[in-house]
Amino acid sequence: MRQPRRTVTRHRVAGLTLRSLTSPGPGAVTFVLVHGIGMSHRYLARLHSALSAHGTVVSVDLPGFGGLPKPAHDLDVTQMADALAGLLDKLRTGPVVVVGQSMGTQWAVELAARRRDLTRGVVVIGPVADERRRTLLWQAALLALDTLREPPGANALVFSDYLRCGPVWYLAQLRHMLRYRIEDRVSRLQAPLLIVRGSRDPIATRGWCRRLRAAAREAMLAEIPGRAHNAQHSAPRAVAAAIVHACASMPTSDAHRHEPSRGNGR
């Protein structure tokens, strides 16, 4: 897969350090890719490349991840979403299609619920965490099962990023991940939602994804055959195709302009 030209920049937002990797592309759509817990832009690189043929792509490393400095204080899902919003304000992206994977789905949904002016569409890949399995033991067991279904290269990438993240920051964020009720927040979205899952994903099950689809005002569900939780890495072209197809029904930037909605999104 051709690697697009990328501009890598560190940013300071409200005392926090974030990183953006931007590839200008054709068309009016800007895709913003948000990694999951413990991870970085590296396991979104293949999806980044696939989407760069369809628009500008910005991959983001959030505070404490991807080798970035750990914040001096804890950040919950809303605070992390605010940091992401501050970065998009700084980059002057306008309304974007925000794409989150795993815990990144929570940060993406919260961003869209809090800042409707910044999002024309929301994509969640392998959304977490199923309210019927929202415990540390359940998630650990499902993660172990998923590693058996992922290609070796994907597992190596995940575990190397986990090492860079470190256990303290990982566990702090895991606590927030297990408390966040994404099923409530998707009901607040004004932007259309696309849910993507690998057909063999034990973490984001079909039943769970269907419940999220039912909770949202406007949502679609796409399954990637034969793939597990990290479908964006193992099948980037298929995931990109599903996103691009969904974008055809998403509002244009001009149609989606309105004042920022801050706070709880209500």
C-alpha atoms as a PDB file:
ATOM      1  CA  MET A   1       0.000   0.000   0.000  1.00  0.00           C
ATOM      2  CA  ARG A   2       1.335   3.428  -0.989  1.00  0.00           C
ATOM      3  CA  GLN A   3       2.401   5.497   2.008  1.00  0.00           C
ATOM      4  CA  PRO A   4       1.019   9.051   1.762  1.00  0.00           C
ATOM      5  CA  ARG A   5       3.071  12.101   2.625  1.00  0.00           C
ATOM      6  CA  ARG A   6       2.564  12.981   6.270  1.00  0.00           C
ATOM      7  CA  THR A   7       3.290  16.071   8.316  1.00  0.00           C
ATOM      8  CA  VAL A   8       4.015  15.164  11.943  1.00  0.00           C
ATOM      9  CA  THR A   9       3.465  17.893  14.539  1.00  0.00           C
ATOM     10  CA  ARG A  10       3.438  18.067  18.326  1.00  0.00           C
ATOM     11  CA  HIS A  11       0.875  20.365  19.910  1.00  0.00           C
ATOM     12  CA  ARG A  12       0.261  21.828  23.337  1.00  0.00           C
ATOM     13  CA  VAL A  13      -3.422  22.034  24.212  1.00  0.00           C
ATOM     14  CA  ALA A  14      -4.440  23.211  27.684  1.00  0.00           C
ATOM     15  CA  GLY A  15      -1.097  22.063  29.086  1.00  0.00           C
ATOM     16  CA  LEU A  16      -1.308  18.635  27.407  1.00  0.00           C
ATOM     17  CA  THR A  17       0.882  17.227  24.639  1.00  0.00           C
ATOM     18  CA  LEU A  18      -0.750  15.701  21.564  1.00  0.00           C
ATOM     19  CA  ARG A  19       0.599  14.651  18.175  1.00  0.00           C
ATOM     20  CA  SER A  20      -0.992  14.911  14.731  1.00  0.00           C
ATOM     21  CA  LEU A  21       0.035  13.149  11.521  1.00  0.00           C
ATOM     22  CA  THR A  22      -1.638  14.829   8.558  1.00  0.00           C
ATOM     23  CA  SER A  23      -1.838  13.658   4.934  1.00  0.00           C
ATOM     24  CA  PRO A  24      -3.547  16.112   2.557  1.00  0.00           C
ATOM     25  CA  GLY A  25      -5.863  14.352   0.154  1.00  0.00           C
ATOM     26  CA  PRO A  26      -8.476  14.933  -2.539  1.00  0.00           C
ATOM     27  CA  GLY A  27     -12.019  16.017  -1.876  1.00  0.00           C
ATOM     28  CA  ALA A  28     -13.641  17.983   0.912  1.00  0.00           C
ATOM     29  CA  VAL A  29     -13.759  15.308   3.616  1.00  0.00           C
ATOM     30  CA  THR A  30     -11.287  15.282   6.519  1.00  0.00           C
ATOM     31  CA  PHE A  31     -10.973  12.028   8.448  1.00  0.00           C
ATOM     32  CA  VAL A  32      -9.613  12.156  12.006  1.00  0.00           C
ATOM     33  CA  LEU A  33      -8.361   8.798  13.309  1.00  0.00           C
ATOM     34  CA  VAL A  34      -8.298   8.166  17.068  1.00  0.00           C
ATOM     35  CA  HIS A  35      -6.459   5.165  18.540  1.00  0.00           C
ATOM     36  CA  GLY A  36      -7.628   2.989  21.422  1.00  0.00           C
ATOM     37  CA  ILE A  37      -6.393   2.413  24.966  1.00  0.00           C
ATOM     38  CA  GLY A  38      -2.650   1.847  25.224  1.00  0.00           C
ATOM     39  CA  MET A  39      -2.189   2.405  21.514  1.00  0.00           C
ATOM     40  CA  SER A  40      -0.942   5.041  19.053  1.00  0.00           C
ATOM     41  CA  HIS A  41      -1.314   6.125  15.441  1.00  0.00           C
ATOM     42  CA  ARG A  42       0.847   3.169  14.383  1.00  0.00           C
ATOM     43  CA  TYR A  43      -1.977   0.633  14.320  1.00  0.00           C
ATOM     44  CA  LEU A  44      -4.093   3.069  12.328  1.00  0.00           C
ATOM     45  CA  ALA A  45      -1.366   3.587   9.702  1.00  0.00           C
ATOM     46  CA  ARG A  46      -2.853   1.191   7.139  1.00  0.00           C
ATOM     47  CA  LEU A  47      -6.308   2.738   7.431  1.00  0.00           C
ATOM     48  CA  HIS A  48      -4.684   6.184   7.243  1.00  0.00           C
ATOM     49  CA  SER A  49      -3.105   5.199   3.919  1.00  0.00           C
ATOM     50  CA  ALA A  50      -6.318   3.685   2.549  1.00  0.00           C
ATOM     51  CA  LEU A  51      -8.416   6.746   3.411  1.00  0.00           C
ATOM     52  CA  SER A  52      -5.842   9.208   2.017  1.00  0.00           C
ATOM     53  CA  ALA A  53      -7.107   8.379  -1.480  1.00  0.00           C
ATOM     54  CA  HIS A  54     -10.481   9.842  -0.504  1.00  0.00           C
ATOM     55  CA  GLY A  55      -9.680  12.912   1.596  1.00  0.00           C
ATOM     56  CA  THR A  56      -7.356  14.560   4.065  1.00  0.00           C
ATOM     57  CA  VAL A  57      -6.458  12.239   6.944  1.00  0.00           C
ATOM     58  CA  VAL A  58      -5.302  13.273  10.419  1.00  0.00           C
ATOM     59  CA  SER A  59      -4.139  10.569  12.823  1.00  0.00           C
ATOM     60  CA  VAL A  60      -3.927  11.692  16.446  1.00  0.00           C
ATOM     61  CA  ASP A  61      -1.852  10.533  19.399  1.00  0.00           C
ATOM     62  CA  LEU A  62      -3.589  11.534  22.620  1.00  0.00           C
ATOM     63  CA  PRO A  63      -1.806  12.582  25.844  1.00  0.00           C
ATOM     64  CA  GLY A  64       0.193   9.780  27.480  1.00  0.00           C
ATOM     65  CA  PHE A  65       0.073   7.500  24.436  1.00  0.00           C
ATOM     66  CA  GLY A  66       2.525   6.790  21.638  1.00  0.00           C
ATOM     67  CA  GLY A  67       5.500   7.849  23.733  1.00  0.00           C
ATOM     68  CA  LEU A  68       4.030  11.268  24.537  1.00  0.00           C
ATOM     69  CA  PRO A  69       4.470  12.720  28.052  1.00  0.00           C
ATOM     70  CA  LYS A  70       2.025  11.500  30.656  1.00  0.00           C
ATOM     71  CA  PRO A  71      -0.260  14.246  31.990  1.00  0.00           C
ATOM     72  CA  ALA A  72       0.350  15.397  35.535  1.00  0.00           C
ATOM     73  CA  HIS A  73      -3.261  14.567  36.394  1.00  0.00           C
ATOM     74  CA  ASP A  74      -5.822  11.944  35.455  1.00  0.00           C
ATOM     75  CA  LEU A  75      -7.987  12.529  32.363  1.00  0.00           C
ATOM     76  CA  ASP A  76     -11.419  10.982  32.058  1.00  0.00           C
ATOM     77  CA  VAL A  77     -13.267  10.446  28.777  1.00  0.00           C
ATOM     78  CA  THR A  78     -14.784  13.933  28.704  1.00  0.00           C
ATOM     79  CA  GLN A  79     -11.438  15.618  29.412  1.00  0.00           C
ATOM     80  CA  MET A  80      -9.696  13.569  26.724  1.00  0.00           C
ATOM     81  CA  ALA A  81     -12.452  14.468  24.263  1.00  0.00           C
ATOM     82  CA  ASP A  82     -11.988  18.135  25.150  1.00  0.00           C
ATOM     83  CA  ALA A  83      -8.246  17.821  24.453  1.00  0.00           C
ATOM     84  CA  LEU A  84      -9.057  16.294  21.074  1.00  0.00           C
ATOM     85  CA  ALA A  85     -11.508  19.110  20.365  1.00  0.00           C
ATOM     86  CA  GLY A  86      -8.863  21.674  21.305  1.00  0.00           C
ATOM     87  CA  LEU A  87      -6.481  20.076  18.829  1.00  0.00           C
ATOM     88  CA  LEU A  88      -9.061  20.198  16.025  1.00  0.00           C
ATOM     89  CA  ASP A  89      -9.754  23.846  16.847  1.00  0.00           C
ATOM     90  CA  LYS A  90      -6.036  24.511  16.602  1.00  0.00           C
ATOM     91  CA  LEU A  91      -5.766  22.673  13.288  1.00  0.00           C
ATOM     92  CA  ARG A  92      -8.858  24.485  11.956  1.00  0.00           C
ATOM     93  CA  THR A  93     -10.153  21.310  10.379  1.00  0.00           C
ATOM     94  CA  GLY A  94     -13.787  22.341  10.269  1.00  0.00           C
ATOM     95  CA  PRO A  95     -16.370  19.550  10.622  1.00  0.00           C
ATOM     96  CA  VAL A  96     -14.688  16.139  10.275  1.00  0.00           C
ATOM     97  CA  VAL A  97     -15.539  12.472  10.095  1.00  0.00           C
ATOM     98  CA  VAL A  98     -14.069  11.267  13.371  1.00  0.00           C
ATOM     99  CA  VAL A  99     -13.026   7.612  13.391  1.00  0.00           C
ATOM    100  CA  GLY A 100     -12.313   5.891  16.710  1.00  0.00           C
ATOM    101  CA  GLN A 101     -11.203   2.325  17.369  1.00  0.00           C
ATOM    102  CA  SER A 102     -11.754   0.395  20.643  1.00  0.00           C
ATOM    103  CA  MET A 103     -11.570   2.956  23.489  1.00  0.00           C
ATOM    104  CA  GLY A 104     -11.039   5.568  20.791  1.00  0.00           C
ATOM    105  CA  THR A 105     -14.726   5.065  20.014  1.00  0.00           C
ATOM    106  CA  GLN A 106     -15.571   6.552  23.406  1.00  0.00           C
ATOM    107  CA  TRP A 107     -13.387   9.620  22.845  1.00  0.00           C
ATOM    108  CA  ALA A 108     -14.832  10.028  19.328  1.00  0.00           C
ATOM    109  CA  VAL A 109     -18.449   9.749  20.486  1.00  0.00           C
ATOM    110  CA  GLU A 110     -17.880  12.120  23.388  1.00  0.00           C
ATOM    111  CA  LEU A 111     -16.225  14.647  21.070  1.00  0.00           C
ATOM    112  CA  ALA A 112     -19.227  14.505  18.737  1.00  0.00           C
ATOM    113  CA  ALA A 113     -21.718  14.811  21.607  1.00  0.00           C
ATOM    114  CA  ARG A 114     -19.883  17.791  23.122  1.00  0.00           C
ATOM    115  CA  ARG A 115     -18.797  19.597  19.958  1.00  0.00           C
ATOM    116  CA  ARG A 116     -21.377  19.117  17.251  1.00  0.00           C
ATOM    117  CA  ASP A 117     -19.757  21.872  15.194  1.00  0.00           C
ATOM    118  CA  LEU A 118     -16.631  19.733  14.768  1.00  0.00           C
ATOM    119  CA  THR A 119     -18.240  16.505  13.511  1.00  0.00           C
ATOM    120  CA  ARG A 120     -20.111  15.735  10.308  1.00  0.00           C
ATOM    121  CA  GLY A 121     -19.994  11.997  10.992  1.00  0.00           C
ATOM    122  CA  VAL A 122     -18.817   9.452  13.568  1.00  0.00           C
ATOM    123  CA  VAL A 123     -17.274   6.039  12.872  1.00  0.00           C
ATOM    124  CA  VAL A 124     -16.711   3.542  15.685  1.00  0.00           C
ATOM    125  CA  ILE A 125     -14.602   0.452  14.962  1.00  0.00           C
ATOM    126  CA  GLY A 126     -14.891  -2.291  17.582  1.00  0.00           C
ATOM    127  CA  PRO A 127     -16.775  -0.104  20.103  1.00  0.00           C
ATOM    128  CA  VAL A 128     -16.310  -0.740  23.828  1.00  0.00           C
ATOM    129  CA  ALA A 129     -17.448  -1.712  26.323  1.00  0.00           C
ATOM    130  CA  ASP A 130     -20.444  -4.027  26.143  1.00  0.00           C
ATOM    131  CA  GLU A 131     -22.584  -3.216  29.187  1.00  0.00           C
ATOM    132  CA  ARG A 132     -23.055  -6.956  29.772  1.00  0.00           C
ATOM    133  CA  ARG A 133     -19.293  -7.497  30.011  1.00  0.00           C
ATOM    134  CA  ARG A 134     -18.146  -4.278  31.644  1.00  0.00           C
ATOM    135  CA  THR A 135     -15.698  -5.697  34.189  1.00  0.00           C
ATOM    136  CA  LEU A 136     -11.935  -6.041  34.311  1.00  0.00           C
ATOM    137  CA  LEU A 137     -12.085  -9.850  34.256  1.00  0.00           C
ATOM    138  CA  TRP A 138     -14.434  -9.951  31.293  1.00  0.00           C
ATOM    139  CA  GLN A 139     -12.333  -7.509  29.290  1.00  0.00           C
ATOM    140  CA  ALA A 140      -9.088  -9.317  30.084  1.00  0.00           C
ATOM    141  CA  ALA A 141     -10.582 -12.633  28.964  1.00  0.00           C
ATOM    142  CA  LEU A 142     -11.957 -11.141  25.747  1.00  0.00           C
ATOM    143  CA  LEU A 143      -8.644  -9.442  24.958  1.00  0.00           C
ATOM    144  CA  ALA A 144      -6.831 -12.746  25.428  1.00  0.00           C
ATOM    145  CA  LEU A 145      -9.297 -14.450  23.087  1.00  0.00           C
ATOM    146  CA  ASP A 146      -8.893 -11.705  20.524  1.00  0.00           C
ATOM    147  CA  THR A 147      -5.096 -12.121  20.432  1.00  0.00           C
ATOM    148  CA  LEU A 148      -5.682 -15.692  19.231  1.00  0.00           C
ATOM    149  CA  ARG A 149      -7.694 -14.369  16.299  1.00  0.00           C
ATOM    150  CA  GLU A 150      -5.350 -11.549  15.242  1.00  0.00           C
ATOM    151  CA  PRO A 151      -2.391 -11.930  12.859  1.00  0.00           C
ATOM    152  CA  PRO A 152       1.015 -12.037  14.608  1.00  0.00           C
ATOM    153  CA  GLY A 153       2.037  -8.649  13.241  1.00  0.00           C
ATOM    154  CA  ALA A 154      -1.007  -6.996  14.755  1.00  0.00           C
ATOM    155  CA  ASN A 155      -0.308  -8.553  18.165  1.00  0.00           C
ATOM    156  CA  ALA A 156       3.322  -7.417  18.050  1.00  0.00           C
ATOM    157  CA  LEU A 157       2.219  -3.874  17.264  1.00  0.00           C
ATOM    158  CA  VAL A 158      -0.334  -3.841  20.068  1.00  0.00           C
ATOM    159  CA  PHE A 159       2.008  -5.155  22.746  1.00  0.00           C
ATOM    160  CA  SER A 160       4.869  -2.840  21.765  1.00  0.00           C
ATOM    161  CA  ASP A 161       2.533   0.142  22.083  1.00  0.00           C
ATOM    162  CA  TYR A 162       1.294  -1.175  25.427  1.00  0.00           C
ATOM    163  CA  LEU A 163       4.896  -1.132  26.639  1.00  0.00           C
ATOM    164  CA  ARG A 164       5.314   2.468  25.516  1.00  0.00           C
ATOM    165  CA  CYS A 165       2.099   3.432  27.284  1.00  0.00           C
ATOM    166  CA  GLY A 166       3.038   1.696  30.545  1.00  0.00           C
ATOM    167  CA  PRO A 167       0.771  -0.030  33.081  1.00  0.00           C
ATOM    168  CA  VAL A 168       0.009   2.988  35.273  1.00  0.00           C
ATOM    169  CA  TRP A 169      -1.510   5.150  32.523  1.00  0.00           C
ATOM    170  CA  TYR A 170      -3.147   2.129  30.897  1.00  0.00           C
ATOM    171  CA  LEU A 171      -4.916   1.100  34.106  1.00  0.00           C
ATOM    172  CA  ALA A 172      -5.975   4.676  34.834  1.00  0.00           C
ATOM    173  CA  GLN A 173      -7.629   4.877  31.422  1.00  0.00           C
ATOM    174  CA  LEU A 174      -9.093   1.372  31.724  1.00  0.00           C
ATOM    175  CA  ARG A 175     -11.009   2.514  34.793  1.00  0.00           C
ATOM    176  CA  HIS A 176     -12.622   5.280  32.744  1.00  0.00           C
ATOM    177  CA  MET A 177     -13.289   2.936  29.828  1.00  0.00           C
ATOM    178  CA  LEU A 178     -15.272   0.564  32.039  1.00  0.00           C
ATOM    179  CA  ARG A 179     -17.333   3.410  33.511  1.00  0.00           C
ATOM    180  CA  TYR A 180     -18.244   5.146  30.273  1.00  0.00           C
ATOM    181  CA  ARG A 181     -21.772   4.465  29.016  1.00  0.00           C
ATOM    182  CA  ILE A 182     -21.309   4.842  25.280  1.00  0.00           C
ATOM    183  CA  GLU A 183     -24.812   3.480  24.684  1.00  0.00           C
ATOM    184  CA  ASP A 184     -26.231   6.584  26.404  1.00  0.00           C
ATOM    185  CA  ARG A 185     -23.980   9.028  24.566  1.00  0.00           C
ATOM    186  CA  VAL A 186     -24.671   7.724  21.057  1.00  0.00           C
ATOM    187  CA  SER A 187     -28.315   8.621  21.627  1.00  0.00           C
ATOM    188  CA  ARG A 188     -27.195  12.273  21.907  1.00  0.00           C
ATOM    189  CA  LEU A 189     -25.408  12.347  18.563  1.00  0.00           C
ATOM    190  CA  GLN A 190     -26.704  14.700  15.893  1.00  0.00           C
ATOM    191  CA  ALA A 191     -24.177  13.410  13.340  1.00  0.00           C
ATOM    192  CA  PRO A 192     -24.789  10.034  11.629  1.00  0.00           C
ATOM    193  CA  LEU A 193     -22.994   7.034  13.134  1.00  0.00           C
ATOM    194  CA  LEU A 194     -21.281   4.130  11.383  1.00  0.00           C
ATOM    195  CA  ILE A 195     -20.484   1.067  13.500  1.00  0.00           C
ATOM    196  CA  VAL A 196     -17.809  -1.256  12.113  1.00  0.00           C
ATOM    197  CA  ARG A 197     -16.855  -4.631  13.558  1.00  0.00           C
ATOM    198  CA  GLY A 198     -14.887  -7.649  12.464  1.00  0.00           C
ATOM    199  CA  SER A 199     -17.145 -10.680  12.203  1.00  0.00           C
ATOM    200  CA  ARG A 200     -14.811 -12.575  14.591  1.00  0.00           C
ATOM    201  CA  ASP A 201     -14.429  -9.759  17.132  1.00  0.00           C
ATOM    202  CA  PRO A 202     -15.115 -11.195  20.619  1.00  0.00           C
ATOM    203  CA  ILE A 203     -14.968  -7.741  22.249  1.00  0.00           C
ATOM    204  CA  ALA A 204     -17.474  -5.823  20.118  1.00  0.00           C
ATOM    205  CA  THR A 205     -20.028  -8.559  19.514  1.00  0.00           C
ATOM    206  CA  ARG A 206     -22.759  -8.391  16.899  1.00  0.00           C
ATOM    207  CA  GLY A 207     -25.450  -8.142  19.577  1.00  0.00           C
ATOM    208  CA  TRP A 208     -23.675  -5.266  21.314  1.00  0.00           C
ATOM    209  CA  CYS A 209     -23.154  -3.377  18.051  1.00  0.00           C
ATOM    210  CA  ARG A 210     -26.800  -3.850  17.123  1.00  0.00           C
ATOM    211  CA  ARG A 211     -27.836  -2.401  20.479  1.00  0.00           C
ATOM    212  CA  LEU A 212     -25.664   0.651  19.823  1.00  0.00           C
ATOM    213  CA  ARG A 213     -27.197   1.017  16.378  1.00  0.00           C
ATOM    214  CA  ALA A 214     -30.662   0.909  17.914  1.00  0.00           C
ATOM    215  CA  ALA A 215     -29.716   3.521  20.531  1.00  0.00           C
ATOM    216  CA  ALA A 216     -28.535   6.083  17.972  1.00  0.00           C
ATOM    217  CA  ARG A 217     -30.804   8.402  15.998  1.00  0.00           C
ATOM    218  CA  GLU A 218     -29.141   7.615  12.673  1.00  0.00           C
ATOM    219  CA  ALA A 219     -26.764   4.647  12.437  1.00  0.00           C
ATOM    220  CA  MET A 220     -25.465   1.922  10.138  1.00  0.00           C
ATOM    221  CA  LEU A 221     -23.629  -1.302  10.949  1.00  0.00           C
ATOM    222  CA  ALA A 222     -20.938  -2.846   8.741  1.00  0.00           C
ATOM    223  CA  GLU A 223     -19.180  -6.168   9.380  1.00  0.00           C
ATOM    224  CA  ILE A 224     -15.775  -7.100   7.978  1.00  0.00           C
ATOM    225  CA  PRO A 225     -15.806 -10.852   7.274  1.00  0.00           C
ATOM    226  CA  GLY A 226     -13.214 -13.018   8.972  1.00  0.00           C
ATOM    227  CA  ARG A 227     -11.583 -10.205  10.974  1.00  0.00           C
ATOM    228  CA  ALA A 228     -11.295  -9.650  14.715  1.00  0.00           C
ATOM    229  CA  HIS A 229     -11.042  -6.521  16.890  1.00  0.00           C
ATOM    230  CA  ASN A 230      -8.295  -4.775  14.905  1.00  0.00           C
ATOM    231  CA  ALA A 231     -10.043  -4.905  11.535  1.00  0.00           C
ATOM    232  CA  GLN A 232      -8.654  -1.473  10.637  1.00  0.00           C
ATOM    233  CA  HIS A 233      -5.166  -3.072  10.650  1.00  0.00           C
ATOM    234  CA  SER A 234      -5.915  -6.499   9.181  1.00  0.00           C
ATOM    235  CA  ALA A 235      -8.414  -5.299   6.535  1.00  0.00           C
ATOM    236  CA  PRO A 236      -7.794  -1.561   6.027  1.00  0.00           C
ATOM    237  CA  ARG A 237      -9.185  -1.371   2.496  1.00  0.00           C
ATOM    238  CA  ALA A 238     -12.456  -3.032   3.493  1.00  0.00           C
ATOM    239  CA  VAL A 239     -12.850  -0.735   6.505  1.00  0.00           C
ATOM    240  CA  ALA A 240     -12.005   2.319   4.387  1.00  0.00           C
ATOM    241  CA  ALA A 241     -14.563   1.248   1.784  1.00  0.00           C
ATOM    242  CA  ALA A 242     -17.268   1.013   4.458  1.00  0.00           C
ATOM    243  CA  ILE A 243     -16.363   4.480   5.760  1.00  0.00           C
ATOM    244  CA  VAL A 244     -16.322   6.063   2.306  1.00  0.00           C
ATOM    245  CA  HIS A 245     -19.675   4.458   1.472  1.00  0.00           C
ATOM    246  CA  ALA A 246     -21.195   5.849   4.681  1.00  0.00           C
ATOM    247  CA  CYS A 247     -19.782   9.311   3.955  1.00  0.00           C
ATOM    248  CA  ALA A 248     -22.020   9.538   0.892  1.00  0.00           C
ATOM    249  CA  SER A 249     -25.013   9.977   3.211  1.00  0.00           C
ATOM    250  CA  MET A 250     -23.302  12.327   5.674  1.00  0.00           C
ATOM    251  CA  PRO A 251     -24.011  16.081   5.566  1.00  0.00           C
ATOM    252  CA  THR A 252     -21.606  18.458   3.862  1.00  0.00           C
ATOM    253  CA  SER A 253     -19.587  20.898   5.950  1.00  0.00           C
ATOM    254  CA  ASP A 254     -21.855  23.801   4.948  1.00  0.00           C
ATOM    255  CA  ALA A 255     -24.984  21.886   5.938  1.00  0.00           C
ATOM    256  CA  HIS A 256     -23.567  20.964   9.335  1.00  0.00           C
ATOM    257  CA  ARG A 257     -22.381  24.350  10.589  1.00  0.00           C
ATOM    258  CA  HIS A 258     -23.790  25.597  13.893  1.00  0.00           C
ATOM    259  CA  GLU A 259     -22.619  26.915  17.199  1.00  0.00           C
ATOM    260  CA  PRO A 260     -20.412  24.745  19.429  1.00  0.00           C
ATOM    261  CA  SER A 261     -22.269  22.530  21.896  1.00  0.00           C
ATOM    262  CA  ARG A 262     -20.151  22.222  25.026  1.00  0.00           C
ATOM    263  CA  GLY A 263     -20.617  20.311  28.274  1.00  0.00           C
ATOM    264  CA  ASN A 264     -22.943  17.327  28.299  1.00  0.00           C
ATOM    265  CA  GLY A 265     -24.274  17.719  24.774  1.00  0.00           C
ATOM    266  CA  ARG A 266     -27.874  17.998  25.922  1.00  0.00           C
END
